[in-house]
């Protein structure tokens, strides 16, 4: 179980996994254009998608976490793509953590 699934189960919230690197499984390289995707396969089971969020960049890796199916996860991530390769909610969370690490935010403070 990945972090997104664990978080979803613990909180009862729908969740989606999104990673910059493939954690497990294999995939065929998706086409080079925005929106192209290919399934990630582990054994005989599809576990996610390699998704091209920006043309000619490395794909991001999408997987259903909790309470969402494979296709819904991909549809939601499509809607979360901004001007960066990483979906906007993931990018903003990463930015917040980095601000905390640099000492710009005290413990317990949100955006």
C-alpha atoms as a PDB file:
ATOM      1  CA  UNK A   1       0.000   0.000   0.000  1.00  0.00           C
ATOM      2  CA  UNK A   2       1.341   3.421  -0.925  1.00  0.00           C
ATOM      3  CA  UNK A   3       1.204   6.650   1.046  1.00  0.00           C
ATOM      4  CA  UNK A   4      -1.898   7.922  -0.790  1.00  0.00           C
ATOM      5  CA  UNK A   5      -3.849   4.755  -0.044  1.00  0.00           C
ATOM      6  CA  UNK A   6      -2.692   4.701   3.580  1.00  0.00           C
ATOM      7  CA  UNK A   7      -3.704   8.348   4.043  1.00  0.00           C
ATOM      8  CA  UNK A   8      -7.088   7.733   2.420  1.00  0.00           C
ATOM      9  CA  UNK A   9      -7.837   4.693   4.556  1.00  0.00           C
ATOM     10  CA  UNK A  10      -6.783   6.457   7.776  1.00  0.00           C
ATOM     11  CA  UNK A  11      -8.802   9.611   7.048  1.00  0.00           C
ATOM     12  CA  UNK A  12     -11.695   8.106   5.101  1.00  0.00           C
ATOM     13  CA  UNK A  13     -10.941  10.542   2.267  1.00  0.00           C
ATOM     14  CA  UNK A  14     -10.626   9.768  -1.444  1.00  0.00           C
ATOM     15  CA  UNK A  15      -6.976   9.836  -2.496  1.00  0.00           C
ATOM     16  CA  UNK A  16      -4.785   9.484  -5.570  1.00  0.00           C
ATOM     17  CA  UNK A  17      -1.117   8.526  -5.765  1.00  0.00           C
ATOM     18  CA  UNK A  18       1.121  10.699  -7.934  1.00  0.00           C
ATOM     19  CA  UNK A  19       4.888  10.229  -8.192  1.00  0.00           C
ATOM     20  CA  UNK A  20       7.762  11.625 -10.249  1.00  0.00           C
ATOM     21  CA  UNK A  21       9.462   8.219 -10.310  1.00  0.00           C
ATOM     22  CA  UNK A  22       8.008   4.777 -10.952  1.00  0.00           C
ATOM     23  CA  UNK A  23       7.844   2.876  -7.671  1.00  0.00           C
ATOM     24  CA  UNK A  24       6.896  -0.553  -9.035  1.00  0.00           C
ATOM     25  CA  UNK A  25       5.652  -2.212 -12.200  1.00  0.00           C
ATOM     26  CA  UNK A  26       6.469  -1.522 -15.818  1.00  0.00           C
ATOM     27  CA  UNK A  27       4.984   0.546 -18.638  1.00  0.00           C
ATOM     28  CA  UNK A  28       5.418   1.393 -22.286  1.00  0.00           C
ATOM     29  CA  UNK A  29       6.542   4.977 -22.811  1.00  0.00           C
ATOM     30  CA  UNK A  30       3.456   7.131 -23.512  1.00  0.00           C
ATOM     31  CA  UNK A  31       3.369   9.391 -26.573  1.00  0.00           C
ATOM     32  CA  UNK A  32       5.237  12.715 -26.344  1.00  0.00           C
ATOM     33  CA  UNK A  33       2.157  14.973 -26.221  1.00  0.00           C
ATOM     34  CA  UNK A  34       0.240  16.301 -23.222  1.00  0.00           C
ATOM     35  CA  UNK A  35      -2.410  13.826 -22.078  1.00  0.00           C
ATOM     36  CA  UNK A  36      -0.810  10.730 -23.572  1.00  0.00           C
ATOM     37  CA  UNK A  37      -0.742   7.850 -21.118  1.00  0.00           C
ATOM     38  CA  UNK A  38      -0.029   4.142 -20.870  1.00  0.00           C
ATOM     39  CA  UNK A  39      -0.936   1.568 -18.221  1.00  0.00           C
ATOM     40  CA  UNK A  40       1.484   0.586 -15.477  1.00  0.00           C
ATOM     41  CA  UNK A  41       1.413  -3.192 -15.057  1.00  0.00           C
ATOM     42  CA  UNK A  42       2.583  -5.289 -12.084  1.00  0.00           C
ATOM     43  CA  UNK A  43       2.268  -9.008 -12.711  1.00  0.00           C
ATOM     44  CA  UNK A  44      -0.989  -9.361 -14.637  1.00  0.00           C
ATOM     45  CA  UNK A  45      -2.687  -6.360 -12.981  1.00  0.00           C
ATOM     46  CA  UNK A  46      -2.907  -2.718 -14.004  1.00  0.00           C
ATOM     47  CA  UNK A  47      -1.913  -0.585 -11.016  1.00  0.00           C
ATOM     48  CA  UNK A  48      -1.842   2.905 -12.551  1.00  0.00           C
ATOM     49  CA  UNK A  49      -0.850   5.079 -15.481  1.00  0.00           C
ATOM     50  CA  UNK A  50       2.268   6.746 -16.803  1.00  0.00           C
ATOM     51  CA  UNK A  51       0.807  10.136 -17.745  1.00  0.00           C
ATOM     52  CA  UNK A  52       2.409  12.849 -19.871  1.00  0.00           C
ATOM     53  CA  UNK A  53       1.440  16.090 -18.112  1.00  0.00           C
ATOM     54  CA  UNK A  54       3.600  18.265 -20.363  1.00  0.00           C
ATOM     55  CA  UNK A  55       4.776  17.640 -23.911  1.00  0.00           C
ATOM     56  CA  UNK A  56       8.222  16.118 -24.264  1.00  0.00           C
ATOM     57  CA  UNK A  57       8.840  15.780 -20.517  1.00  0.00           C
ATOM     58  CA  UNK A  58       9.098  12.693 -18.326  1.00  0.00           C
ATOM     59  CA  UNK A  59       5.705  11.240 -17.372  1.00  0.00           C
ATOM     60  CA  UNK A  60       4.246  11.337 -13.880  1.00  0.00           C
ATOM     61  CA  UNK A  61       2.932   8.107 -12.377  1.00  0.00           C
ATOM     62  CA  UNK A  62      -0.697   8.020 -11.282  1.00  0.00           C
ATOM     63  CA  UNK A  63      -2.427   5.336  -9.233  1.00  0.00           C
ATOM     64  CA  UNK A  64      -5.762   5.124  -7.444  1.00  0.00           C
ATOM     65  CA  UNK A  65      -5.346   5.558  -3.707  1.00  0.00           C
ATOM     66  CA  UNK A  66      -8.595   5.091  -1.759  1.00  0.00           C
ATOM     67  CA  UNK A  67     -12.257   5.331  -2.845  1.00  0.00           C
ATOM     68  CA  UNK A  68     -11.350   6.182  -6.461  1.00  0.00           C
ATOM     69  CA  UNK A  69     -10.990   3.929  -9.468  1.00  0.00           C
ATOM     70  CA  UNK A  70      -8.295   3.819 -12.120  1.00  0.00           C
ATOM     71  CA  UNK A  71     -10.123   5.982 -14.707  1.00  0.00           C
ATOM     72  CA  UNK A  72     -11.384   8.525 -12.154  1.00  0.00           C
ATOM     73  CA  UNK A  73      -7.844   8.986 -10.847  1.00  0.00           C
ATOM     74  CA  UNK A  74      -6.579   9.775 -14.334  1.00  0.00           C
ATOM     75  CA  UNK A  75      -9.495  12.170 -15.043  1.00  0.00           C
ATOM     76  CA  UNK A  76      -8.929  14.086 -11.811  1.00  0.00           C
ATOM     77  CA  UNK A  77      -5.181  14.409 -12.407  1.00  0.00           C
ATOM     78  CA  UNK A  78      -5.883  15.763 -15.913  1.00  0.00           C
ATOM     79  CA  UNK A  79      -7.896  18.556 -14.264  1.00  0.00           C
ATOM     80  CA  UNK A  80      -5.095  19.334 -11.780  1.00  0.00           C
ATOM     81  CA  UNK A  81      -2.366  20.047 -14.317  1.00  0.00           C
ATOM     82  CA  UNK A  82      -1.229  23.665 -14.337  1.00  0.00           C
ATOM     83  CA  UNK A  83       1.849  25.127 -15.928  1.00  0.00           C
ATOM     84  CA  UNK A  84       4.205  22.669 -14.213  1.00  0.00           C
ATOM     85  CA  UNK A  85       4.811  18.948 -14.784  1.00  0.00           C
ATOM     86  CA  UNK A  86       3.574  17.991 -11.316  1.00  0.00           C
ATOM     87  CA  UNK A  87      -0.181  18.299 -10.610  1.00  0.00           C
ATOM     88  CA  UNK A  88      -0.945  21.533  -8.765  1.00  0.00           C
ATOM     89  CA  UNK A  89      -2.068  20.030  -5.401  1.00  0.00           C
ATOM     90  CA  UNK A  90       1.122  17.954  -5.201  1.00  0.00           C
ATOM     91  CA  UNK A  91       3.280  20.912  -6.221  1.00  0.00           C
ATOM     92  CA  UNK A  92       1.701  23.193  -3.607  1.00  0.00           C
ATOM     93  CA  UNK A  93       2.129  20.582  -0.852  1.00  0.00           C
ATOM     94  CA  UNK A  94       5.791  20.146  -1.814  1.00  0.00           C
ATOM     95  CA  UNK A  95       6.284  23.916  -1.793  1.00  0.00           C
ATOM     96  CA  UNK A  96       4.754  24.169   1.702  1.00  0.00           C
ATOM     97  CA  UNK A  97       7.012  21.410   3.067  1.00  0.00           C
ATOM     98  CA  UNK A  98      10.087  23.103   1.603  1.00  0.00           C
ATOM     99  CA  UNK A  99       9.132  26.421   3.228  1.00  0.00           C
ATOM    100  CA  UNK A 100       8.845  24.602   6.563  1.00  0.00           C
ATOM    101  CA  UNK A 101      12.235  22.920   6.070  1.00  0.00           C
ATOM    102  CA  UNK A 102      13.868  26.294   5.349  1.00  0.00           C
ATOM    103  CA  UNK A 103      12.429  27.646   8.617  1.00  0.00           C
ATOM    104  CA  UNK A 104      10.073  30.083   6.867  1.00  0.00           C
ATOM    105  CA  UNK A 105       7.033  28.529   8.601  1.00  0.00           C
ATOM    106  CA  UNK A 106       6.633  27.436  12.228  1.00  0.00           C
ATOM    107  CA  UNK A 107       5.185  24.025  13.114  1.00  0.00           C
ATOM    108  CA  UNK A 108       1.439  23.670  12.694  1.00  0.00           C
ATOM    109  CA  UNK A 109       1.016  26.533  10.209  1.00  0.00           C
ATOM    110  CA  UNK A 110      -0.857  25.939   6.947  1.00  0.00           C
ATOM    111  CA  UNK A 111      -1.007  28.105   3.848  1.00  0.00           C
END
